[in-house]
mmCIF file of all heavy atoms, coordinates in Angstrom:
data_MODEL
# 
_entry.id   MODEL 
# 
loop_
_atom_site.group_PDB 
_atom_site.id 
_atom_site.type_symbol 
_atom_site.label_atom_id 
_atom_site.label_alt_id 
_atom_site.label_comp_id 
_atom_site.label_asym_id 
_atom_site.label_entity_id 
_atom_site.label_seq_id 
_atom_site.pdbx_PDB_ins_code 
_atom_site.Cartn_x 
_atom_site.Cartn_y 
_atom_site.Cartn_z 
_atom_site.occupancy 
_atom_site.B_iso_or_equiv 
_atom_site.pdbx_formal_charge 
_atom_site.auth_seq_id 
_atom_site.auth_comp_id 
_atom_site.auth_asym_id 
_atom_site.auth_atom_id 
_atom_site.pdbx_PDB_model_num 
ATOM 1   N N   . GLN A 1 1  ? -26.432 32.989 -70.287 1.00 0.00 ? 1  GLN A N   1 
ATOM 2   C CA  . GLN A 1 1  ? -25.182 32.313 -69.780 1.00 0.00 ? 1  GLN A CA  1 
ATOM 3   C C   . GLN A 1 1  ? -24.607 31.280 -70.791 1.00 0.00 ? 1  GLN A C   1 
ATOM 4   O O   . GLN A 1 1  ? -23.505 31.247 -71.234 1.00 0.00 ? 1  GLN A O   1 
ATOM 5   C CB  . GLN A 1 1  ? -25.380 31.784 -68.461 1.00 0.00 ? 1  GLN A CB  1 
ATOM 6   C CG  . GLN A 1 1  ? -24.254 31.060 -67.787 1.00 0.00 ? 1  GLN A CG  1 
ATOM 7   C CD  . GLN A 1 1  ? -24.591 30.448 -66.486 1.00 0.00 ? 1  GLN A CD  1 
ATOM 8   O OE1 . GLN A 1 1  ? -25.750 30.057 -66.201 1.00 0.00 ? 1  GLN A OE1 1 
ATOM 9   N NE2 . GLN A 1 1  ? -23.643 30.415 -65.596 1.00 0.00 ? 1  GLN A NE2 1 
ATOM 10  N N   . ASN A 1 2  ? -25.611 30.606 -71.476 1.00 0.00 ? 2  ASN A N   1 
ATOM 11  C CA  . ASN A 1 2  ? -25.299 29.523 -72.406 1.00 0.00 ? 2  ASN A CA  1 
ATOM 12  C C   . ASN A 1 2  ? -24.713 30.160 -73.633 1.00 0.00 ? 2  ASN A C   1 
ATOM 13  O O   . ASN A 1 2  ? -23.775 29.625 -74.186 1.00 0.00 ? 2  ASN A O   1 
ATOM 14  C CB  . ASN A 1 2  ? -26.501 28.739 -72.699 1.00 0.00 ? 2  ASN A CB  1 
ATOM 15  C CG  . ASN A 1 2  ? -26.817 27.805 -71.557 1.00 0.00 ? 2  ASN A CG  1 
ATOM 16  O OD1 . ASN A 1 2  ? -26.068 27.438 -70.633 1.00 0.00 ? 2  ASN A OD1 1 
ATOM 17  N ND2 . ASN A 1 2  ? -28.074 27.295 -71.514 1.00 0.00 ? 2  ASN A ND2 1 
ATOM 18  N N   . ALA A 1 3  ? -25.410 31.270 -74.043 1.00 0.00 ? 3  ALA A N   1 
ATOM 19  C CA  . ALA A 1 3  ? -25.039 32.040 -75.339 1.00 0.00 ? 3  ALA A CA  1 
ATOM 20  C C   . ALA A 1 3  ? -23.567 32.582 -75.252 1.00 0.00 ? 3  ALA A C   1 
ATOM 21  O O   . ALA A 1 3  ? -22.866 32.806 -76.341 1.00 0.00 ? 3  ALA A O   1 
ATOM 22  C CB  . ALA A 1 3  ? -25.995 33.019 -75.705 1.00 0.00 ? 3  ALA A CB  1 
ATOM 23  N N   . GLU A 1 4  ? -23.104 32.899 -74.057 1.00 0.00 ? 4  GLU A N   1 
ATOM 24  C CA  . GLU A 1 4  ? -21.815 33.489 -73.770 1.00 0.00 ? 4  GLU A CA  1 
ATOM 25  C C   . GLU A 1 4  ? -20.794 32.540 -73.493 1.00 0.00 ? 4  GLU A C   1 
ATOM 26  O O   . GLU A 1 4  ? -19.577 32.820 -73.233 1.00 0.00 ? 4  GLU A O   1 
ATOM 27  C CB  . GLU A 1 4  ? -21.881 34.632 -72.792 1.00 0.00 ? 4  GLU A CB  1 
ATOM 28  C CG  . GLU A 1 4  ? -22.817 35.764 -73.118 1.00 0.00 ? 4  GLU A CG  1 
ATOM 29  C CD  . GLU A 1 4  ? -22.966 36.755 -72.025 1.00 0.00 ? 4  GLU A CD  1 
ATOM 30  O OE1 . GLU A 1 4  ? -22.489 36.324 -70.796 1.00 0.00 ? 4  GLU A OE1 1 
ATOM 31  O OE2 . GLU A 1 4  ? -23.548 37.779 -72.130 1.00 0.00 ? 4  GLU A OE2 1 
ATOM 32  N N   . SER A 1 5  ? -21.196 31.225 -73.416 1.00 0.00 ? 5  SER A N   1 
ATOM 33  C CA  . SER A 1 5  ? -20.188 30.118 -73.073 1.00 0.00 ? 5  SER A CA  1 
ATOM 34  C C   . SER A 1 5  ? -19.385 29.716 -74.300 1.00 0.00 ? 5  SER A C   1 
ATOM 35  O O   . SER A 1 5  ? -19.592 30.136 -75.490 1.00 0.00 ? 5  SER A O   1 
ATOM 36  C CB  . SER A 1 5  ? -20.918 28.894 -72.561 1.00 0.00 ? 5  SER A CB  1 
ATOM 37  O OG  . SER A 1 5  ? -21.733 28.268 -73.641 1.00 0.00 ? 5  SER A OG  1 
ATOM 38  N N   . LYS A 1 6  ? -18.289 28.972 -74.034 1.00 0.00 ? 6  LYS A N   1 
ATOM 39  C CA  . LYS A 1 6  ? -17.375 28.565 -75.128 1.00 0.00 ? 6  LYS A CA  1 
ATOM 40  C C   . LYS A 1 6  ? -18.032 27.639 -76.150 1.00 0.00 ? 6  LYS A C   1 
ATOM 41  O O   . LYS A 1 6  ? -17.635 27.492 -77.296 1.00 0.00 ? 6  LYS A O   1 
ATOM 42  C CB  . LYS A 1 6  ? -16.119 27.947 -74.552 1.00 0.00 ? 6  LYS A CB  1 
ATOM 43  C CG  . LYS A 1 6  ? -15.245 28.962 -73.808 1.00 0.00 ? 6  LYS A CG  1 
ATOM 44  C CD  . LYS A 1 6  ? -14.070 28.251 -73.231 1.00 0.00 ? 6  LYS A CD  1 
ATOM 45  C CE  . LYS A 1 6  ? -13.158 29.187 -72.488 1.00 0.00 ? 6  LYS A CE  1 
ATOM 46  N NZ  . LYS A 1 6  ? -11.904 28.637 -71.904 1.00 0.00 ? 6  LYS A NZ  1 
ATOM 47  N N   . MET A 1 7  ? -18.993 26.857 -75.587 1.00 0.00 ? 7  MET A N   1 
ATOM 48  C CA  . MET A 1 7  ? -19.796 25.973 -76.445 1.00 0.00 ? 7  MET A CA  1 
ATOM 49  C C   . MET A 1 7  ? -20.695 26.613 -77.477 1.00 0.00 ? 7  MET A C   1 
ATOM 50  O O   . MET A 1 7  ? -21.198 25.981 -78.365 1.00 0.00 ? 7  MET A O   1 
ATOM 51  C CB  . MET A 1 7  ? -20.553 25.014 -75.580 1.00 0.00 ? 7  MET A CB  1 
ATOM 52  C CG  . MET A 1 7  ? -19.770 23.974 -74.732 1.00 0.00 ? 7  MET A CG  1 
ATOM 53  S SD  . MET A 1 7  ? -18.871 22.861 -75.856 1.00 0.00 ? 7  MET A SD  1 
ATOM 54  C CE  . MET A 1 7  ? -20.291 22.007 -76.496 1.00 0.00 ? 7  MET A CE  1 
ATOM 55  N N   . ALA A 1 8  ? -20.987 27.950 -77.269 1.00 0.00 ? 8  ALA A N   1 
ATOM 56  C CA  . ALA A 1 8  ? -22.049 28.629 -78.076 1.00 0.00 ? 8  ALA A CA  1 
ATOM 57  C C   . ALA A 1 8  ? -21.604 28.590 -79.577 1.00 0.00 ? 8  ALA A C   1 
ATOM 58  O O   . ALA A 1 8  ? -22.551 28.531 -80.491 1.00 0.00 ? 8  ALA A O   1 
ATOM 59  C CB  . ALA A 1 8  ? -22.209 30.048 -77.563 1.00 0.00 ? 8  ALA A CB  1 
ATOM 60  N N   . LYS A 1 9  ? -20.310 28.716 -79.888 1.00 0.00 ? 9  LYS A N   1 
ATOM 61  C CA  . LYS A 1 9  ? -19.894 28.764 -81.296 1.00 0.00 ? 9  LYS A CA  1 
ATOM 62  C C   . LYS A 1 9  ? -20.189 27.505 -81.942 1.00 0.00 ? 9  LYS A C   1 
ATOM 63  O O   . LYS A 1 9  ? -20.202 27.482 -83.196 1.00 0.00 ? 9  LYS A O   1 
ATOM 64  C CB  . LYS A 1 9  ? -18.516 29.254 -81.399 1.00 0.00 ? 9  LYS A CB  1 
ATOM 65  C CG  . LYS A 1 9  ? -17.457 28.396 -80.739 1.00 0.00 ? 9  LYS A CG  1 
ATOM 66  C CD  . LYS A 1 9  ? -16.120 28.926 -80.967 1.00 0.00 ? 9  LYS A CD  1 
ATOM 67  C CE  . LYS A 1 9  ? -15.041 28.197 -80.253 1.00 0.00 ? 9  LYS A CE  1 
ATOM 68  N NZ  . LYS A 1 9  ? -13.657 28.788 -80.447 1.00 0.00 ? 9  LYS A NZ  1 
ATOM 69  N N   . TYR A 1 10 ? -20.194 26.426 -81.265 1.00 0.00 ? 10 TYR A N   1 
ATOM 70  C CA  . TYR A 1 10 ? -20.546 25.020 -81.871 1.00 0.00 ? 10 TYR A CA  1 
ATOM 71  C C   . TYR A 1 10 ? -22.087 24.754 -81.791 1.00 0.00 ? 10 TYR A C   1 
ATOM 72  O O   . TYR A 1 10 ? -22.487 23.712 -82.551 1.00 0.00 ? 10 TYR A O   1 
ATOM 73  C CB  . TYR A 1 10 ? -19.765 23.985 -81.052 1.00 0.00 ? 10 TYR A CB  1 
ATOM 74  C CG  . TYR A 1 10 ? -18.348 24.226 -81.079 1.00 0.00 ? 10 TYR A CG  1 
ATOM 75  C CD1 . TYR A 1 10 ? -17.687 24.556 -79.817 1.00 0.00 ? 10 TYR A CD1 1 
ATOM 76  C CD2 . TYR A 1 10 ? -17.520 24.103 -82.173 1.00 0.00 ? 10 TYR A CD2 1 
ATOM 77  C CE1 . TYR A 1 10 ? -16.219 24.855 -79.733 1.00 0.00 ? 10 TYR A CE1 1 
ATOM 78  C CE2 . TYR A 1 10 ? -16.012 24.240 -82.174 1.00 0.00 ? 10 TYR A CE2 1 
ATOM 79  C CZ  . TYR A 1 10 ? -15.521 24.657 -80.962 1.00 0.00 ? 10 TYR A CZ  1 
ATOM 80  O OH  . TYR A 1 10 ? -14.113 24.910 -80.851 1.00 0.00 ? 10 TYR A OH  1 
ATOM 81  N N   . MET A 1 11 ? -22.745 25.474 -81.061 1.00 0.00 ? 11 MET A N   1 
ATOM 82  C CA  . MET A 1 11 ? -24.290 25.183 -80.927 1.00 0.00 ? 11 MET A CA  1 
ATOM 83  C C   . MET A 1 11 ? -25.061 26.506 -81.202 1.00 0.00 ? 11 MET A C   1 
ATOM 84  O O   . MET A 1 11 ? -25.372 27.295 -80.336 1.00 0.00 ? 11 MET A O   1 
ATOM 85  C CB  . MET A 1 11 ? -24.497 24.611 -79.587 1.00 0.00 ? 11 MET A CB  1 
ATOM 86  C CG  . MET A 1 11 ? -23.716 23.340 -79.259 1.00 0.00 ? 11 MET A CG  1 
ATOM 87  S SD  . MET A 1 11 ? -24.096 22.723 -77.665 1.00 0.00 ? 11 MET A SD  1 
ATOM 88  C CE  . MET A 1 11 ? -25.818 22.165 -77.693 1.00 0.00 ? 11 MET A CE  1 
ATOM 89  N N   . PRO A 1 12 ? -25.291 26.898 -82.448 1.00 0.00 ? 12 PRO A N   1 
ATOM 90  C CA  . PRO A 1 12 ? -25.893 28.106 -82.711 1.00 0.00 ? 12 PRO A CA  1 
ATOM 91  C C   . PRO A 1 12 ? -27.249 28.320 -82.211 1.00 0.00 ? 12 PRO A C   1 
ATOM 92  O O   . PRO A 1 12 ? -27.798 29.414 -81.976 1.00 0.00 ? 12 PRO A O   1 
ATOM 93  C CB  . PRO A 1 12 ? -25.929 28.142 -84.306 1.00 0.00 ? 12 PRO A CB  1 
ATOM 94  C CG  . PRO A 1 12 ? -25.661 26.812 -84.797 1.00 0.00 ? 12 PRO A CG  1 
ATOM 95  C CD  . PRO A 1 12 ? -24.863 26.090 -83.591 1.00 0.00 ? 12 PRO A CD  1 
ATOM 96  N N   . GLN A 1 13 ? -27.987 27.328 -81.811 1.00 0.00 ? 13 GLN A N   1 
ATOM 97  C CA  . GLN A 1 13 ? -29.271 27.330 -81.227 1.00 0.00 ? 13 GLN A CA  1 
ATOM 98  C C   . GLN A 1 13 ? -29.233 27.993 -79.967 1.00 0.00 ? 13 GLN A C   1 
ATOM 99  O O   . GLN A 1 13 ? -30.282 28.552 -79.470 1.00 0.00 ? 13 GLN A O   1 
ATOM 100 C CB  . GLN A 1 13 ? -29.879 25.899 -81.237 1.00 0.00 ? 13 GLN A CB  1 
ATOM 101 C CG  . GLN A 1 13 ? -29.352 24.979 -80.177 1.00 0.00 ? 13 GLN A CG  1 
ATOM 102 C CD  . GLN A 1 13 ? -28.298 24.032 -80.848 1.00 0.00 ? 13 GLN A CD  1 
ATOM 103 O OE1 . GLN A 1 13 ? -27.750 24.491 -81.792 1.00 0.00 ? 13 GLN A OE1 1 
ATOM 104 N NE2 . GLN A 1 13 ? -27.996 22.921 -80.320 1.00 0.00 ? 13 GLN A NE2 1 
ATOM 105 N N   . MET A 1 14 ? -28.065 28.011 -79.220 1.00 0.00 ? 14 MET A N   1 
ATOM 106 C CA  . MET A 1 14 ? -28.005 28.718 -78.014 1.00 0.00 ? 14 MET A CA  1 
ATOM 107 C C   . MET A 1 14 ? -28.299 30.235 -78.182 1.00 0.00 ? 14 MET A C   1 
ATOM 108 O O   . MET A 1 14 ? -28.992 30.841 -77.321 1.00 0.00 ? 14 MET A O   1 
ATOM 109 C CB  . MET A 1 14 ? -26.657 28.457 -77.289 1.00 0.00 ? 14 MET A CB  1 
ATOM 110 C CG  . MET A 1 14 ? -26.480 27.050 -76.754 1.00 0.00 ? 14 MET A CG  1 
ATOM 111 S SD  . MET A 1 14 ? -24.921 26.956 -75.858 1.00 0.00 ? 14 MET A SD  1 
ATOM 112 C CE  . MET A 1 14 ? -25.170 25.236 -75.161 1.00 0.00 ? 14 MET A CE  1 
ATOM 113 N N   . GLN A 1 15 ? -27.758 30.741 -79.183 1.00 0.00 ? 15 GLN A N   1 
ATOM 114 C CA  . GLN A 1 15 ? -27.913 32.237 -79.534 1.00 0.00 ? 15 GLN A CA  1 
ATOM 115 C C   . GLN A 1 15 ? -29.385 32.399 -79.797 1.00 0.00 ? 15 GLN A C   1 
ATOM 116 O O   . GLN A 1 15 ? -29.916 33.451 -79.414 1.00 0.00 ? 15 GLN A O   1 
ATOM 117 C CB  . GLN A 1 15 ? -26.977 32.612 -80.677 1.00 0.00 ? 15 GLN A CB  1 
ATOM 118 C CG  . GLN A 1 15 ? -26.830 34.142 -80.796 1.00 0.00 ? 15 GLN A CG  1 
ATOM 119 C CD  . GLN A 1 15 ? -26.109 34.714 -79.509 1.00 0.00 ? 15 GLN A CD  1 
ATOM 120 O OE1 . GLN A 1 15 ? -26.722 35.652 -78.921 1.00 0.00 ? 15 GLN A OE1 1 
ATOM 121 N NE2 . GLN A 1 15 ? -24.975 34.236 -79.274 1.00 0.00 ? 15 GLN A NE2 1 
ATOM 122 N N   . GLN A 1 16 ? -30.007 31.533 -80.514 1.00 0.00 ? 16 GLN A N   1 
ATOM 123 C CA  . GLN A 1 16 ? -31.456 31.654 -80.880 1.00 0.00 ? 16 GLN A CA  1 
ATOM 124 C C   . GLN A 1 16 ? -32.309 31.601 -79.712 1.00 0.00 ? 16 GLN A C   1 
ATOM 125 O O   . GLN A 1 16 ? -33.260 32.381 -79.628 1.00 0.00 ? 16 GLN A O   1 
ATOM 126 C CB  . GLN A 1 16 ? -31.782 30.554 -81.869 1.00 0.00 ? 16 GLN A CB  1 
ATOM 127 C CG  . GLN A 1 16 ? -33.232 30.682 -82.462 1.00 0.00 ? 16 GLN A CG  1 
ATOM 128 C CD  . GLN A 1 16 ? -33.443 31.953 -83.239 1.00 0.00 ? 16 GLN A CD  1 
ATOM 129 O OE1 . GLN A 1 16 ? -32.758 32.181 -84.191 1.00 0.00 ? 16 GLN A OE1 1 
ATOM 130 N NE2 . GLN A 1 16 ? -34.417 32.724 -82.910 1.00 0.00 ? 16 GLN A NE2 1 
ATOM 131 N N   . GLN A 1 17 ? -31.968 30.732 -78.832 1.00 0.00 ? 17 GLN A N   1 
ATOM 132 C CA  . GLN A 1 17 ? -32.809 30.687 -77.479 1.00 0.00 ? 17 GLN A CA  1 
ATOM 133 C C   . GLN A 1 17 ? -32.663 31.924 -76.717 1.00 0.00 ? 17 GLN A C   1 
ATOM 134 O O   . GLN A 1 17 ? -33.700 32.410 -76.113 1.00 0.00 ? 17 GLN A O   1 
ATOM 135 C CB  . GLN A 1 17 ? -32.372 29.414 -76.641 1.00 0.00 ? 17 GLN A CB  1 
ATOM 136 C CG  . GLN A 1 17 ? -32.631 28.166 -77.260 1.00 0.00 ? 17 GLN A CG  1 
ATOM 137 C CD  . GLN A 1 17 ? -32.007 26.987 -76.521 1.00 0.00 ? 17 GLN A CD  1 
ATOM 138 O OE1 . GLN A 1 17 ? -31.346 27.162 -75.603 1.00 0.00 ? 17 GLN A OE1 1 
ATOM 139 N NE2 . GLN A 1 17 ? -32.364 25.746 -76.962 1.00 0.00 ? 17 GLN A NE2 1 
ATOM 140 N N   . LYS A 1 18 ? -31.534 32.515 -76.696 1.00 0.00 ? 18 LYS A N   1 
ATOM 141 C CA  . LYS A 1 18 ? -31.299 33.867 -75.931 1.00 0.00 ? 18 LYS A CA  1 
ATOM 142 C C   . LYS A 1 18 ? -32.194 34.963 -76.654 1.00 0.00 ? 18 LYS A C   1 
ATOM 143 O O   . LYS A 1 18 ? -32.835 35.787 -75.831 1.00 0.00 ? 18 LYS A O   1 
ATOM 144 C CB  . LYS A 1 18 ? -29.864 34.266 -76.031 1.00 0.00 ? 18 LYS A CB  1 
ATOM 145 C CG  . LYS A 1 18 ? -29.582 35.649 -75.368 1.00 0.00 ? 18 LYS A CG  1 
ATOM 146 C CD  . LYS A 1 18 ? -28.237 36.103 -75.468 1.00 0.00 ? 18 LYS A CD  1 
ATOM 147 C CE  . LYS A 1 18 ? -27.894 37.409 -74.722 1.00 0.00 ? 18 LYS A CE  1 
ATOM 148 N NZ  . LYS A 1 18 ? -28.888 38.494 -75.224 1.00 0.00 ? 18 LYS A NZ  1 
ATOM 149 N N   . GLN A 1 19 ? -32.236 34.942 -77.942 1.00 0.00 ? 19 GLN A N   1 
ATOM 150 C CA  . GLN A 1 19 ? -32.989 36.003 -78.683 1.00 0.00 ? 19 GLN A CA  1 
ATOM 151 C C   . GLN A 1 19 ? -34.425 35.672 -78.338 1.00 0.00 ? 19 GLN A C   1 
ATOM 152 O O   . GLN A 1 19 ? -35.244 36.623 -78.165 1.00 0.00 ? 19 GLN A O   1 
ATOM 153 C CB  . GLN A 1 19 ? -32.772 35.827 -80.110 1.00 0.00 ? 19 GLN A CB  1 
ATOM 154 C CG  . GLN A 1 19 ? -31.357 36.297 -80.497 1.00 0.00 ? 19 GLN A CG  1 
ATOM 155 C CD  . GLN A 1 19 ? -31.114 36.144 -81.988 1.00 0.00 ? 19 GLN A CD  1 
ATOM 156 O OE1 . GLN A 1 19 ? -32.030 35.704 -82.754 1.00 0.00 ? 19 GLN A OE1 1 
ATOM 157 N NE2 . GLN A 1 19 ? -29.833 36.375 -82.486 1.00 0.00 ? 19 GLN A NE2 1 
ATOM 158 N N   . ASP A 1 20 ? -34.921 34.386 -78.290 1.00 0.00 ? 20 ASP A N   1 
ATOM 159 C CA  . ASP A 1 20 ? -36.393 34.146 -77.998 1.00 0.00 ? 20 ASP A CA  1 
ATOM 160 C C   . ASP A 1 20 ? -36.759 34.655 -76.704 1.00 0.00 ? 20 ASP A C   1 
ATOM 161 O O   . ASP A 1 20 ? -37.803 35.259 -76.402 1.00 0.00 ? 20 ASP A O   1 
ATOM 162 C CB  . ASP A 1 20 ? -36.619 32.665 -78.157 1.00 0.00 ? 20 ASP A CB  1 
ATOM 163 C CG  . ASP A 1 20 ? -36.535 32.161 -79.602 1.00 0.00 ? 20 ASP A CG  1 
ATOM 164 O OD1 . ASP A 1 20 ? -36.661 33.062 -80.559 1.00 0.00 ? 20 ASP A OD1 1 
ATOM 165 O OD2 . ASP A 1 20 ? -36.491 30.914 -79.736 1.00 0.00 ? 20 ASP A OD2 1 
ATOM 166 N N   . TRP A 1 21 ? -35.909 34.337 -75.604 1.00 0.00 ? 21 TRP A N   1 
ATOM 167 C CA  . TRP A 1 21 ? -36.182 34.772 -74.277 1.00 0.00 ? 21 TRP A CA  1 
ATOM 168 C C   . TRP A 1 21 ? -36.063 36.324 -74.041 1.00 0.00 ? 21 TRP A C   1 
ATOM 169 O O   . TRP A 1 21 ? -36.764 36.900 -73.169 1.00 0.00 ? 21 TRP A O   1 
ATOM 170 C CB  . TRP A 1 21 ? -35.425 34.019 -73.346 1.00 0.00 ? 21 TRP A CB  1 
ATOM 171 C CG  . TRP A 1 21 ? -35.994 32.569 -73.100 1.00 0.00 ? 21 TRP A CG  1 
ATOM 172 C CD1 . TRP A 1 21 ? -35.271 31.420 -73.519 1.00 0.00 ? 21 TRP A CD1 1 
ATOM 173 C CD2 . TRP A 1 21 ? -37.140 32.251 -72.470 1.00 0.00 ? 21 TRP A CD2 1 
ATOM 174 N NE1 . TRP A 1 21 ? -36.108 30.390 -73.296 1.00 0.00 ? 21 TRP A NE1 1 
ATOM 175 C CE2 . TRP A 1 21 ? -37.206 30.840 -72.681 1.00 0.00 ? 21 TRP A CE2 1 
ATOM 176 C CE3 . TRP A 1 21 ? -38.178 32.841 -71.929 1.00 0.00 ? 21 TRP A CE3 1 
ATOM 177 C CZ2 . TRP A 1 21 ? -38.330 30.137 -72.188 1.00 0.00 ? 21 TRP A CZ2 1 
ATOM 178 C CZ3 . TRP A 1 21 ? -39.286 32.185 -71.552 1.00 0.00 ? 21 TRP A CZ3 1 
ATOM 179 C CH2 . TRP A 1 21 ? -39.330 30.871 -71.605 1.00 0.00 ? 21 TRP A CH2 1 
ATOM 180 N N   . ASP A 1 22 ? -35.154 36.967 -74.796 1.00 0.00 ? 22 ASP A N   1 
ATOM 181 C CA  . ASP A 1 22 ? -35.080 38.411 -74.822 1.00 0.00 ? 22 ASP A CA  1 
ATOM 182 C C   . ASP A 1 22 ? -36.401 38.994 -75.228 1.00 0.00 ? 22 ASP A C   1 
ATOM 183 O O   . ASP A 1 22 ? -37.052 39.871 -74.716 1.00 0.00 ? 22 ASP A O   1 
ATOM 184 C CB  . ASP A 1 22 ? -33.901 38.917 -75.662 1.00 0.00 ? 22 ASP A CB  1 
ATOM 185 C CG  . ASP A 1 22 ? -32.538 38.643 -75.049 1.00 0.00 ? 22 ASP A CG  1 
ATOM 186 O OD1 . ASP A 1 22 ? -32.477 38.430 -73.791 1.00 0.00 ? 22 ASP A OD1 1 
ATOM 187 O OD2 . ASP A 1 22 ? -31.547 38.696 -75.750 1.00 0.00 ? 22 ASP A OD2 1 
ATOM 188 N N   . LEU A 1 23 ? -36.958 38.464 -76.448 1.00 0.00 ? 23 LEU A N   1 
ATOM 189 C CA  . LEU A 1 23 ? -38.234 38.906 -76.985 1.00 0.00 ? 23 LEU A CA  1 
ATOM 190 C C   . LEU A 1 23 ? -39.398 38.640 -76.023 1.00 0.00 ? 23 LEU A C   1 
ATOM 191 O O   . LEU A 1 23 ? -40.282 39.455 -75.801 1.00 0.00 ? 23 LEU A O   1 
ATOM 192 C CB  . LEU A 1 23 ? -38.440 38.213 -78.254 1.00 0.00 ? 23 LEU A CB  1 
ATOM 193 C CG  . LEU A 1 23 ? -37.619 38.705 -79.484 1.00 0.00 ? 23 LEU A CG  1 
ATOM 194 C CD1 . LEU A 1 23 ? -37.786 37.827 -80.751 1.00 0.00 ? 23 LEU A CD1 1 
ATOM 195 C CD2 . LEU A 1 23 ? -37.853 40.174 -79.821 1.00 0.00 ? 23 LEU A CD2 1 
ATOM 196 N N   . ALA A 1 24 ? -39.286 37.483 -75.353 1.00 0.00 ? 24 ALA A N   1 
ATOM 197 C CA  . ALA A 1 24 ? -40.365 37.152 -74.455 1.00 0.00 ? 24 ALA A CA  1 
ATOM 198 C C   . ALA A 1 24 ? -40.550 38.092 -73.262 1.00 0.00 ? 24 ALA A C   1 
ATOM 199 O O   . ALA A 1 24 ? -41.569 38.562 -72.899 1.00 0.00 ? 24 ALA A O   1 
ATOM 200 C CB  . ALA A 1 24 ? -40.159 35.742 -73.896 1.00 0.00 ? 24 ALA A CB  1 
ATOM 201 N N   . LEU A 1 25 ? -39.288 38.501 -72.760 1.00 0.00 ? 25 LEU A N   1 
ATOM 202 C CA  . LEU A 1 25 ? -39.291 39.452 -71.653 1.00 0.00 ? 25 LEU A CA  1 
ATOM 203 C C   . LEU A 1 25 ? -39.787 40.755 -72.060 1.00 0.00 ? 25 LEU A C   1 
ATOM 204 O O   . LEU A 1 25 ? -40.470 41.466 -71.308 1.00 0.00 ? 25 LEU A O   1 
ATOM 205 C CB  . LEU A 1 25 ? -37.805 39.573 -70.980 1.00 0.00 ? 25 LEU A CB  1 
ATOM 206 C CG  . LEU A 1 25 ? -37.394 38.453 -70.028 1.00 0.00 ? 25 LEU A CG  1 
ATOM 207 C CD1 . LEU A 1 25 ? -36.003 38.774 -69.571 1.00 0.00 ? 25 LEU A CD1 1 
ATOM 208 C CD2 . LEU A 1 25 ? -38.395 38.472 -68.894 1.00 0.00 ? 25 LEU A CD2 1 
ATOM 209 N N   . LYS A 1 26 ? -39.447 41.307 -73.262 1.00 0.00 ? 26 LYS A N   1 
ATOM 210 C CA  . LYS A 1 26 ? -39.874 42.488 -73.683 1.00 0.00 ? 26 LYS A CA  1 
ATOM 211 C C   . LYS A 1 26 ? -41.415 42.530 -73.834 1.00 0.00 ? 26 LYS A C   1 
ATOM 212 O O   . LYS A 1 26 ? -42.072 43.482 -73.651 1.00 0.00 ? 26 LYS A O   1 
ATOM 213 C CB  . LYS A 1 26 ? -39.219 42.842 -75.057 1.00 0.00 ? 26 LYS A CB  1 
ATOM 214 C CG  . LYS A 1 26 ? -37.811 43.169 -74.919 1.00 0.00 ? 26 LYS A CG  1 
ATOM 215 C CD  . LYS A 1 26 ? -37.068 43.487 -76.312 1.00 0.00 ? 26 LYS A CD  1 
ATOM 216 C CE  . LYS A 1 26 ? -35.644 43.814 -76.234 1.00 0.00 ? 26 LYS A CE  1 
ATOM 217 N NZ  . LYS A 1 26 ? -35.058 43.992 -77.557 1.00 0.00 ? 26 LYS A NZ  1 
ATOM 218 N N   . ALA A 1 27 ? -41.960 41.412 -74.417 1.00 0.00 ? 27 ALA A N   1 
ATOM 219 C CA  . ALA A 1 27 ? -43.364 41.198 -74.596 1.00 0.00 ? 27 ALA A CA  1 
ATOM 220 C C   . ALA A 1 27 ? -44.136 41.302 -73.285 1.00 0.00 ? 27 ALA A C   1 
ATOM 221 O O   . ALA A 1 27 ? -45.189 41.884 -73.144 1.00 0.00 ? 27 ALA A O   1 
ATOM 222 C CB  . ALA A 1 27 ? -43.623 40.004 -75.323 1.00 0.00 ? 27 ALA A CB  1 
# 
């Protein structure tokens, strides 16, 4: 939800956090 928000383009760490949790769920 945070990675798809309007603030995400100003806060690149949000996209990184989404990738981390995607990997965690796959693991």
